[in-house]
């Protein structure tokens, strides 16, 4: 009736073969990655005007060719696949005669995280960076306005917010212990909002706002990009041409 269950699984394996021909032919290098079972289970419960859902899934990602053979290093067959388990809980529904709400909380644990490094000569290379803990909350709100207005064809307000709490759980490279530090390149808060209006005459307008909070740029979290705001507006005219 109001319950929905979804279950699935896949079995994945990878085998890597490299043969370098320049500057001279070298013996072929092989690497076989162990088989990975990736199950998933999801449960949803439907109520009158909203649905509550939860799921747990496991996955893995083998290193790519660009990570195995970076620009500044030799072939690295020691890289291990990333392995992660994701848990999420959320609900979505419609309230107050037109307010669409979707809220999702997730917790993602990743092992053998592959991260990019740069050597003294400017070349890239990749290493497994231990474990990371990635928690977050995603919220989406949309409200439709004046749906029965004779002058308006469509008008809506929307707001999206994402909160990221991504941390190294176990990362001890030669340069120091970064366990507990924030992952570089991930903003803790991202907000986007806007309003869309379309008149029956064909005139349309959109107003948007975007916010990105201060973002760490390195593993030590000593360098950060400043927070920024972006405000945008668009005005147009829409007309249907009949043949």
Protein backbone atom coordinates (compact mmCIF):
# COMPACT_ATOMS: atom_id res chain seq x y z
CA UNK A 1 0.00 0.00 0.00
CA UNK A 2 1.87 3.10 1.25
CA UNK A 3 5.25 1.40 1.62
CA UNK A 4 7.86 1.03 -1.09
CA UNK A 5 10.97 -1.14 -0.86
CA UNK A 6 13.81 -1.19 -3.38
CA UNK A 7 16.83 -3.49 -3.21
CA UNK A 8 19.62 -4.20 -5.64
CA UNK A 9 23.26 -5.13 -5.97
CA UNK A 10 26.00 -5.33 -8.55
CA UNK A 11 29.32 -7.13 -8.73
CA UNK A 12 32.18 -5.21 -10.32
CA UNK A 13 35.75 -6.04 -11.22
CA UNK A 14 38.58 -4.25 -13.03
CA UNK A 15 41.83 -5.35 -14.61
CA UNK A 16 44.46 -2.86 -15.75
CA UNK A 17 47.08 -3.49 -18.43
CA UNK A 18 49.81 -1.01 -19.40
CA UNK A 19 52.54 -1.24 -21.98
CA UNK A 20 54.91 1.70 -22.43
CA UNK A 21 56.53 2.04 -25.87
CA UNK A 22 58.51 5.26 -25.43
CA UNK A 23 61.34 6.01 -24.93
CA UNK A 24 61.74 2.24 -25.37
CA UNK A 25 59.51 -0.85 -25.19
CA UNK A 26 59.01 -2.07 -21.60
CA UNK A 27 57.34 -5.22 -20.24
CA UNK A 28 53.59 -5.05 -19.80
CA UNK A 29 52.39 -4.08 -16.32
CA UNK A 30 49.25 -5.67 -14.92
CA UNK A 31 47.01 -4.93 -11.96
CA UNK A 32 43.85 -6.82 -11.05
CA UNK A 33 41.50 -5.11 -8.60
CA UNK A 34 39.51 -7.34 -6.29
CA UNK A 35 35.82 -7.80 -7.07
CA UNK A 36 33.50 -5.36 -5.35
CA UNK A 37 29.91 -6.07 -4.30
CA UNK A 38 27.84 -2.87 -4.20
CA UNK A 39 24.41 -3.36 -2.58
CA UNK A 40 21.64 -0.78 -2.14
CA UNK A 41 18.46 -0.76 -0.04
CA UNK A 42 15.84 1.99 -0.05
CA UNK A 43 12.58 2.36 1.90
CA UNK A 44 9.86 4.97 1.38
CA UNK A 45 6.63 5.61 3.29
CA UNK A 46 3.91 7.67 1.62
CA UNK A 47 1.51 9.82 3.64
CA UNK A 48 -1.27 12.13 2.47
CA UNK A 49 0.82 14.96 1.07
CA UNK A 50 4.43 13.93 1.69
CA UNK A 51 6.82 10.98 1.54
CA UNK A 52 9.55 9.98 3.98
CA UNK A 53 12.44 7.96 2.56
CA UNK A 54 15.77 6.50 3.60
CA UNK A 55 18.44 4.44 1.89
CA UNK A 56 21.84 2.87 2.39
CA UNK A 57 24.19 2.03 -0.46
CA UNK A 58 27.77 1.01 -1.02
CA UNK A 59 29.90 1.81 -4.02
CA UNK A 60 33.42 1.95 -5.33
CA UNK A 61 35.36 3.87 -7.94
CA UNK A 62 38.57 2.46 -9.46
CA UNK A 63 41.38 4.91 -10.29
CA UNK A 64 41.11 6.45 -13.73
CA UNK A 65 43.81 6.33 -16.39
CA UNK A 66 44.60 10.00 -15.72
CA UNK A 67 45.18 9.20 -12.05
CA UNK A 68 47.26 6.10 -12.78
CA UNK A 69 49.40 7.92 -15.35
CA UNK A 70 49.54 11.60 -14.28
CA UNK A 71 51.45 14.33 -16.05
CA UNK A 72 54.33 14.54 -13.58
CA UNK A 73 54.95 10.96 -12.51
CA UNK A 74 55.45 7.38 -13.61
CA UNK A 75 52.66 4.82 -13.76
CA UNK A 76 51.29 4.30 -10.26
CA UNK A 77 49.71 0.85 -9.98
CA UNK A 78 49.60 1.11 -6.19
CA UNK A 79 46.51 3.29 -6.18
CA UNK A 80 43.56 1.58 -4.53
CA UNK A 81 39.90 2.06 -5.56
CA UNK A 82 37.83 4.48 -3.55
CA UNK A 83 35.19 2.70 -1.47
CA UNK A 84 32.24 4.48 0.06
CA UNK A 85 29.02 3.88 1.97
CA UNK A 86 26.21 6.41 1.84
CA UNK A 87 23.28 6.81 4.23
CA UNK A 88 20.49 9.29 3.63
CA UNK A 89 17.18 10.29 5.19
CA UNK A 90 14.72 12.79 3.81
CA UNK A 91 11.20 13.80 3.00
CA UNK A 92 9.44 15.58 0.14
CA UNK A 93 5.92 16.85 -0.25
CA UNK A 94 3.56 19.73 -0.92
CA UNK A 95 2.24 21.99 1.84
CA UNK A 96 0.16 25.17 2.22
CA UNK A 97 -1.48 24.86 -1.19
CA UNK A 98 1.60 25.01 -3.39
CA UNK A 99 4.78 24.94 -1.31
CA UNK A 100 7.00 22.10 -2.58
CA UNK A 101 9.56 20.95 0.00
CA UNK A 102 12.42 18.48 -0.43
CA UNK A 103 14.91 17.97 2.43
CA UNK A 104 17.65 15.34 2.39
CA UNK A 105 20.33 14.62 5.00
CA UNK A 106 23.23 12.36 4.02
CA UNK A 107 26.29 10.80 5.58
CA UNK A 108 28.95 9.47 3.23
CA UNK A 109 32.02 7.58 4.46
CA UNK A 110 34.81 7.21 1.94
CA UNK A 111 37.91 5.04 2.23
CA UNK A 112 41.07 5.34 0.12
CA UNK A 113 40.04 8.78 -1.11
CA UNK A 114 42.08 9.67 -4.22
CA UNK A 115 43.40 13.23 -3.99
CA UNK A 116 45.58 15.27 -6.34
CA UNK A 117 49.03 16.54 -5.44
CA UNK A 118 51.60 18.67 -7.28
CA UNK A 119 55.34 18.05 -7.14
CA UNK A 120 58.14 20.63 -7.08
CA UNK A 121 58.33 20.65 -10.88
CA UNK A 122 54.64 21.47 -11.27
CA UNK A 123 53.58 17.97 -12.32
CA UNK A 124 50.48 16.29 -10.94
CA UNK A 125 50.31 13.00 -9.09
CA UNK A 126 47.67 11.20 -7.05
CA UNK A 127 47.63 9.35 -3.74
CA UNK A 128 45.12 7.58 -1.52
CA UNK A 129 44.34 9.93 1.37
CA UNK A 130 42.94 7.59 3.98
CA UNK A 131 39.35 8.14 5.09
CA UNK A 132 36.95 11.05 4.76
CA UNK A 133 33.62 11.77 6.44
CA UNK A 134 31.16 13.72 4.32
CA UNK A 135 27.98 14.93 5.99
CA UNK A 136 25.47 17.28 4.48
CA UNK A 137 21.96 18.64 4.33
CA UNK A 138 20.23 19.60 1.08
CA UNK A 139 17.05 21.70 1.16
CA UNK A 140 14.88 22.78 -1.75
CA UNK A 141 11.79 25.02 -1.48
CA UNK A 142 9.54 26.18 -4.30
CA UNK A 143 6.27 28.06 -4.07
CA UNK A 144 3.91 28.80 -6.95
CA UNK A 145 2.15 32.17 -6.75
CA UNK A 146 -1.11 33.50 -8.19
CA UNK A 147 -1.94 30.45 -10.20
CA UNK A 148 -5.44 31.75 -11.05
CA UNK A 149 -4.44 35.29 -11.98
CA UNK A 150 -5.80 36.53 -15.34
CA UNK A 151 -2.58 38.46 -16.05
CA UNK A 152 -0.01 35.92 -14.90
CA UNK A 153 0.71 32.65 -16.63
CA UNK A 154 3.25 31.51 -14.04
CA UNK A 155 5.02 32.94 -11.00
CA UNK A 156 7.18 31.11 -8.49
CA UNK A 157 9.74 31.64 -5.75
CA UNK A 158 12.48 29.11 -5.05
CA UNK A 159 15.28 28.64 -2.56
CA UNK A 160 18.00 25.96 -2.45
CA UNK A 161 20.54 25.52 0.33
CA UNK A 162 23.32 22.96 0.67
CA UNK A 163 25.36 22.47 3.83
CA UNK A 164 28.59 20.45 3.59
CA UNK A 165 30.59 19.17 6.54
CA UNK A 166 33.35 17.28 4.67
CA UNK A 167 36.34 16.29 6.81
CA UNK A 168 39.44 14.13 6.61
CA UNK A 169 38.91 11.34 9.09
CA UNK A 170 42.31 9.69 8.79
CA UNK A 171 44.91 11.46 6.63
CA UNK A 172 48.56 11.49 7.69
CA UNK A 173 50.86 12.36 4.76
CA UNK A 174 54.53 13.13 5.19
CA UNK A 175 53.83 16.87 5.39
CA UNK A 176 51.63 16.58 8.51
CA UNK A 177 48.49 15.22 10.13
CA UNK A 178 45.39 16.65 8.45
CA UNK A 179 42.85 14.45 10.24
CA UNK A 180 39.81 16.54 11.12
CA UNK A 181 40.55 19.24 8.52
CA UNK A 182 38.00 20.29 5.94
CA UNK A 183 38.35 18.89 2.41
CA UNK A 184 39.71 21.57 0.06
CA UNK A 185 37.51 22.87 -2.71
CA UNK A 186 34.19 22.27 -0.92
CA UNK A 187 32.20 25.26 0.32
CA UNK A 188 30.39 24.68 3.65
CA UNK A 189 27.35 26.68 2.52
CA UNK A 190 25.88 27.25 -0.93
CA UNK A 191 22.61 29.15 -1.38
CA UNK A 192 20.69 29.85 -4.57
CA UNK A 193 17.37 31.64 -4.70
CA UNK A 194 15.22 33.37 -7.23
CA UNK A 195 11.87 34.42 -8.60
CA UNK A 196 10.37 33.59 -12.00
CA UNK A 197 7.43 35.49 -13.49
CA UNK A 198 5.75 34.95 -16.86
CA UNK A 199 2.86 37.14 -18.00
CA UNK A 200 0.16 35.93 -20.34
CA UNK A 201 1.21 38.71 -22.70
CA UNK A 202 4.56 36.97 -23.16
CA UNK A 203 6.77 39.11 -20.96
CA UNK A 204 8.95 37.12 -18.58
CA UNK A 205 11.50 37.96 -15.94
CA UNK A 206 13.87 36.10 -13.64
CA UNK A 207 15.77 37.35 -10.61
CA UNK A 208 18.48 35.09 -9.15
CA UNK A 209 20.81 35.19 -6.17
CA UNK A 210 23.78 32.90 -5.48
CA UNK A 211 26.00 32.71 -2.39
CA UNK A 212 29.15 30.64 -1.91
CA UNK A 213 30.75 30.68 1.54
CA UNK A 214 34.49 30.83 2.23
CA UNK A 215 36.15 27.70 0.81
CA UNK A 216 39.40 26.03 2.00
CA UNK A 217 41.99 25.63 -0.75
CA UNK A 218 44.57 23.28 0.79
CA UNK A 219 44.71 20.30 3.12
CA UNK A 220 46.10 22.36 6.00
CA UNK A 221 43.18 24.83 5.62
CA UNK A 222 45.66 27.73 5.81
CA UNK A 223 44.49 29.20 2.49
CA UNK A 224 40.85 30.00 1.77
CA UNK A 225 38.89 31.58 -1.04
CA UNK A 226 36.70 34.47 0.03
CA UNK A 227 32.95 34.11 0.13
CA UNK A 228 31.12 35.71 -2.78
CA UNK A 229 27.63 36.73 -3.90
CA UNK A 230 26.19 36.81 -7.42
CA UNK A 231 22.99 38.67 -8.31
CA UNK A 232 21.47 38.21 -11.73
CA UNK A 233 18.42 39.41 -13.64
CA UNK A 234 16.90 38.51 -16.98
CA UNK A 235 14.04 40.08 -18.93
CA UNK A 236 12.56 38.62 -22.07
CA UNK A 237 9.55 38.17 -24.30
CA UNK A 238 8.07 34.83 -25.31
CA UNK A 239 5.73 34.42 -28.28
CA UNK A 240 4.27 31.39 -30.02
CA UNK A 241 4.36 31.60 -33.81
CA UNK A 242 1.53 29.67 -35.46
CA UNK A 243 1.99 28.24 -38.94
